[in-house]
C-alpha cells in the first residue's frame, strides 16, 4: 500500500509546473545521437520498435474513441505489426481512426518536446504513465499485454525515480526517439507502396483507399505532411530552447 501511495504522490507531483529546459548545442547533439543509435540499428529497433507500434495502435484507438466508435481491443505482435478493432458508423469515423496510426508516434514525440519547452515535462511523464496503464484494458493478445506491461512498468518507474532535474531530459529523449521512430515507420510504409508491393494489403494507406473515395497516395501524403510537420516543429522548438 505504501508503494502505491508513493507512486500516486509522484504522479500528482508531476503536474506541478517546472522550469523550461534550457539547452546548449553539444548536449542536444549527444542526445540526438543516442536516440538515433537506439532507433535506427536493427538490433535495438526490434525492442524499441515494439513501443512505436504500441503508440501507433493507441493513435488508432484514441481517434476511434473521440469520434464515438467502440474500441473492442488492440493486438500488438512481436513482428511489429498490430491491429485495432472498433465498431461504429461507417464513413468519417472509420477513416479518421484509420488515419491516426502512422502519424501518432511523431505527434506524441512533438507533444513531449513541446512539454519540455513549456515547462510541463513532469506532467507529460505522469500523463503518459496513466495512459499506458489504462491501455492495458484494451489489449487482447499475450504479446501485446507483455509489451504494454513492460511499457507501463518503465513509465511508472520513470515517474517515481526520475530526479526532477533529469525529468525534462528524459522526456525530451523519449520525444526525440518517437520522432525518429515515426520517421522510420513512415519510410517503411512508403517503401511498401514503391518497392514491396506484395505487402501493400497491410498498409494503412491502402486500407484507407479501400474505405474512401480517395486513393492510397493521398493518405500517404497525409502521413508525410503530419509526420514532417511534427519533426519540423520539434526542430524549431529545439532551436528556441538553445536560444
Protein backbone atom coordinates (compact mmCIF):
# COMPACT_ATOMS: atom_id res chain seq x y z
CA UNK A 1 0.00 0.00 0.00
CA UNK A 2 2.87 2.33 0.81
CA UNK A 3 4.33 1.71 -2.66
CA UNK A 4 1.01 2.65 -4.30
CA UNK A 5 0.80 5.83 -2.22
CA UNK A 6 4.34 6.77 -3.16
CA UNK A 7 3.56 6.18 -6.84
CA UNK A 8 0.36 8.24 -6.69
CA UNK A 9 2.10 11.11 -4.93
CA UNK A 10 4.79 11.04 -7.63
CA UNK A 11 2.11 11.15 -10.34
CA UNK A 12 0.37 14.10 -8.68
CA UNK A 13 3.68 15.90 -8.09
CA UNK A 14 4.35 15.68 -11.81
CA UNK A 15 1.53 18.11 -12.54
CA UNK A 16 3.38 20.96 -10.89
CA UNK A 17 4.96 23.35 -13.39
CA UNK A 18 8.74 23.16 -13.77
CA UNK A 19 11.26 25.47 -15.34
CA UNK A 20 11.52 25.19 -19.15
CA UNK A 21 14.58 23.30 -20.34
CA UNK A 22 17.49 25.49 -21.49
CA UNK A 23 19.76 23.69 -23.94
CA UNK A 24 23.19 24.06 -25.45
CA UNK A 25 24.08 22.51 -28.82
CA UNK A 26 26.56 19.85 -27.64
CA UNK A 27 24.23 18.00 -25.22
CA UNK A 28 21.42 18.16 -27.79
CA UNK A 29 23.64 16.62 -30.46
CA UNK A 30 24.68 13.93 -27.98
CA UNK A 31 21.06 13.17 -27.11
CA UNK A 32 20.11 13.04 -30.79
CA UNK A 33 22.99 10.64 -31.47
CA UNK A 34 21.83 8.43 -28.60
CA UNK A 35 18.23 8.44 -29.88
CA UNK A 36 19.33 7.57 -33.42
CA UNK A 37 21.60 4.85 -32.04
CA UNK A 38 18.66 3.28 -30.21
CA UNK A 39 16.08 3.55 -33.00
CA UNK A 40 17.91 3.08 -36.30
CA UNK A 41 20.04 -0.11 -35.85
CA UNK A 42 18.02 -3.25 -36.47
CA UNK A 43 19.03 -4.91 -33.18
CA UNK A 44 17.78 -2.09 -30.94
CA UNK A 45 14.79 -1.38 -33.21
CA UNK A 46 13.50 -4.90 -32.55
CA UNK A 47 12.84 -3.75 -28.98
CA UNK A 48 12.03 -0.04 -29.25
CA UNK A 49 10.05 -0.58 -32.45
CA UNK A 50 7.51 -2.55 -30.38
CA UNK A 51 6.84 0.58 -28.33
CA UNK A 52 6.44 2.65 -31.50
CA UNK A 53 3.93 0.07 -32.77
CA UNK A 54 2.12 0.36 -29.43
CA UNK A 55 1.85 4.14 -29.83
CA UNK A 56 0.72 3.61 -33.45
CA UNK A 57 -2.17 1.41 -32.32
CA UNK A 58 -3.05 3.77 -29.46
CA UNK A 59 -3.31 6.50 -32.08
CA UNK A 60 -5.93 4.45 -33.93
CA UNK A 61 -7.76 3.73 -30.66
CA UNK A 62 -7.80 7.34 -29.45
CA UNK A 63 -9.05 8.60 -32.81
CA UNK A 64 -11.77 5.95 -32.74
CA UNK A 65 -12.89 6.91 -29.23
CA UNK A 66 -13.06 10.67 -29.93
CA UNK A 67 -15.28 10.03 -32.96
CA UNK A 68 -17.72 7.89 -30.98
CA UNK A 69 -16.56 4.43 -32.02
CA UNK A 70 -16.40 1.50 -29.60
CA UNK A 71 -12.94 0.01 -29.28
CA UNK A 72 -13.10 -3.78 -28.87
CA UNK A 73 -9.39 -4.30 -28.41
CA UNK A 74 -5.79 -3.91 -29.52
CA UNK A 75 -3.29 -6.50 -30.64
CA UNK A 76 0.45 -5.94 -30.87
CA UNK A 77 2.70 -8.65 -32.29
CA UNK A 78 6.41 -9.23 -31.92
CA UNK A 79 6.95 -8.70 -35.67
CA UNK A 80 5.97 -5.01 -35.15
CA UNK A 81 2.53 -5.48 -36.66
CA UNK A 82 -0.62 -4.50 -34.82
CA UNK A 83 -4.38 -4.37 -35.03
CA UNK A 84 -7.09 -2.18 -33.55
CA UNK A 85 -10.66 -3.44 -33.75
CA UNK A 86 -13.52 -0.95 -33.36
CA UNK A 87 -17.14 -0.66 -34.37
CA UNK A 88 -19.39 2.25 -35.20
CA UNK A 89 -20.94 4.05 -38.10
CA UNK A 90 -19.06 3.71 -41.39
CA UNK A 91 -17.71 6.80 -43.05
CA UNK A 92 -15.81 9.61 -41.35
CA UNK A 93 -15.13 7.93 -38.01
CA UNK A 94 -13.76 4.77 -39.62
CA UNK A 95 -11.49 6.76 -41.95
CA UNK A 96 -10.40 9.17 -39.19
CA UNK A 97 -9.41 6.36 -36.84
CA UNK A 98 -7.67 4.54 -39.68
CA UNK A 99 -5.52 7.59 -40.45
CA UNK A 100 -4.08 8.27 -37.00
CA UNK A 101 -1.75 5.30 -36.76
CA UNK A 102 1.43 6.22 -38.59
CA UNK A 103 1.33 9.90 -37.55
CA UNK A 104 0.76 9.08 -33.85
CA UNK A 105 4.39 8.44 -32.76
CA UNK A 106 5.62 11.68 -34.35
CA UNK A 107 2.70 13.69 -32.92
CA UNK A 108 3.32 12.27 -29.43
CA UNK A 109 7.03 12.97 -29.90
CA UNK A 110 6.22 16.60 -30.75
CA UNK A 111 3.98 16.83 -27.67
CA UNK A 112 6.82 15.57 -25.45
CA UNK A 113 9.32 18.01 -26.96
CA UNK A 114 6.79 20.85 -26.53
CA UNK A 115 6.22 19.85 -22.89
CA UNK A 116 9.92 20.39 -22.17
CA UNK A 117 9.80 23.78 -23.89
CA UNK A 118 6.77 25.00 -21.93
CA UNK A 119 7.92 23.55 -18.59
CA UNK A 120 5.45 20.65 -18.37
CA UNK A 121 7.80 17.68 -18.81
CA UNK A 122 6.85 16.16 -15.43
CA UNK A 123 3.15 16.43 -16.28
CA UNK A 124 3.78 14.77 -19.65
CA UNK A 125 5.54 11.91 -17.88
CA UNK A 126 2.66 11.48 -15.42
CA UNK A 127 0.01 11.61 -18.15
CA UNK A 128 1.95 9.10 -20.24
CA UNK A 129 2.25 6.72 -17.30
CA UNK A 130 -1.51 6.87 -16.67
CA UNK A 131 -2.36 6.41 -20.36
CA UNK A 132 -0.16 3.32 -20.57
CA UNK A 133 -1.87 1.84 -17.51
CA UNK A 134 -5.36 2.46 -18.96
CA UNK A 135 -4.31 0.96 -22.30
CA UNK A 136 -3.90 -2.42 -20.58
CA UNK A 137 -7.71 -2.67 -20.58
CA UNK A 138 -7.76 -2.83 -24.39
CA UNK A 139 -5.07 -5.43 -25.09
CA UNK A 140 -6.31 -8.75 -26.45
CA UNK A 141 -3.21 -10.87 -27.08
CA UNK A 142 -0.40 -12.09 -24.84
CA UNK A 143 2.41 -10.43 -26.78
CA UNK A 144 0.55 -7.12 -26.67
CA UNK A 145 -0.12 -7.46 -22.94
CA UNK A 146 3.58 -8.21 -22.30
CA UNK A 147 4.66 -5.18 -24.37
CA UNK A 148 2.09 -2.95 -22.66
CA UNK A 149 3.11 -4.19 -19.19
CA UNK A 150 6.78 -3.54 -19.93
CA UNK A 151 6.00 -0.06 -21.30
CA UNK A 152 3.72 0.76 -18.36
CA UNK A 153 6.27 -0.52 -15.84
CA UNK A 154 9.03 1.61 -17.38
CA UNK A 155 6.73 4.64 -17.32
CA UNK A 156 5.83 4.15 -13.66
CA UNK A 157 9.48 3.68 -12.68
CA UNK A 158 10.40 6.87 -14.52
CA UNK A 159 7.64 8.79 -12.71
CA UNK A 160 8.76 7.57 -9.28
CA UNK A 161 12.54 7.51 -9.61
CA UNK A 162 13.48 10.21 -12.15
CA UNK A 163 15.03 13.17 -10.29
CA UNK A 164 13.25 16.47 -11.03
CA UNK A 165 16.39 17.90 -12.62
CA UNK A 166 16.56 14.98 -15.07
CA UNK A 167 12.85 14.73 -15.94
CA UNK A 168 13.00 17.21 -18.81
CA UNK A 169 15.96 15.39 -20.36
CA UNK A 170 14.21 12.02 -20.08
CA UNK A 171 11.00 13.37 -21.64
CA UNK A 172 12.95 15.15 -24.39
CA UNK A 173 14.82 11.93 -25.15
CA UNK A 174 11.60 9.93 -25.34
CA UNK A 175 10.11 12.55 -27.64
CA UNK A 176 13.09 12.51 -29.99
CA UNK A 177 13.08 8.72 -30.09
CA UNK A 178 9.41 8.68 -31.04
CA UNK A 179 10.07 11.25 -33.76
CA UNK A 180 12.89 9.14 -35.21
CA UNK A 181 10.76 6.01 -34.85
CA UNK A 182 7.84 7.71 -36.55
CA UNK A 183 10.09 8.72 -39.45
CA UNK A 184 11.42 5.19 -39.74
CA UNK A 185 7.92 3.73 -39.93
CA UNK A 186 6.91 6.39 -42.45
CA UNK A 187 9.78 5.39 -44.75
CA UNK A 188 8.76 1.77 -44.26
CA UNK A 189 5.17 2.31 -45.43
CA UNK A 190 6.38 4.42 -48.37
CA UNK A 191 8.67 1.53 -49.27
CA UNK A 192 5.73 -0.87 -49.19
CA UNK A 193 3.98 1.25 -51.83
CA UNK A 194 7.05 1.76 -54.01
CA UNK A 195 9.27 -1.32 -53.67
CA UNK A 196 7.49 -4.07 -51.73
CA UNK A 197 4.03 -4.02 -53.20
CA UNK A 198 3.42 -7.65 -52.24
CA UNK A 199 2.86 -6.30 -48.70
CA UNK A 200 0.55 -3.47 -49.74
CA UNK A 201 -2.58 -5.10 -48.30
CA UNK A 202 -1.15 -4.45 -44.82
CA UNK A 203 -0.66 -0.72 -45.44
CA UNK A 204 -2.95 1.74 -43.63
CA UNK A 205 -2.85 3.99 -46.71
CA UNK A 206 -4.07 1.13 -48.90
CA UNK A 207 -6.84 0.24 -46.42
CA UNK A 208 -7.91 3.90 -46.24
CA UNK A 209 -8.05 3.96 -50.03
CA UNK A 210 -10.40 0.98 -49.89
CA UNK A 211 -12.66 2.64 -47.32
CA UNK A 212 -12.87 6.03 -49.00
CA UNK A 213 -13.09 7.53 -52.48
CA UNK A 214 -9.57 8.94 -52.12
CA UNK A 215 -6.59 6.93 -53.42
CA UNK A 216 -3.82 5.47 -51.25
CA UNK A 217 -1.29 8.08 -52.39
CA UNK A 218 -3.49 10.84 -50.90
CA UNK A 219 -3.29 9.18 -47.48
CA UNK A 220 0.47 8.66 -47.86
CA UNK A 221 0.80 12.39 -48.48
CA UNK A 222 -1.27 12.98 -45.35
CA UNK A 223 1.12 10.81 -43.32
CA UNK A 224 4.11 12.67 -44.78
CA UNK A 225 2.55 16.07 -44.02
CA UNK A 226 1.72 15.31 -40.37
CA UNK A 227 4.96 13.48 -39.58
CA UNK A 228 7.07 16.05 -41.44
CA UNK A 229 5.33 18.94 -39.68
CA UNK A 230 5.85 17.26 -36.28
CA UNK A 231 9.57 16.83 -36.97
CA UNK A 232 9.92 20.41 -38.27
CA UNK A 233 8.07 21.93 -35.29
CA UNK A 234 10.13 19.85 -32.87
CA UNK A 235 13.31 21.10 -34.52
CA UNK A 236 12.06 24.68 -34.25
CA UNK A 237 11.33 24.23 -30.52
CA UNK A 238 14.81 22.78 -30.01
CA UNK A 239 16.36 25.84 -31.63
CA UNK A 240 14.27 28.10 -29.38
CA UNK A 241 15.43 26.18 -26.30
CA UNK A 242 19.04 26.66 -27.43
CA UNK A 243 18.44 30.40 -27.69
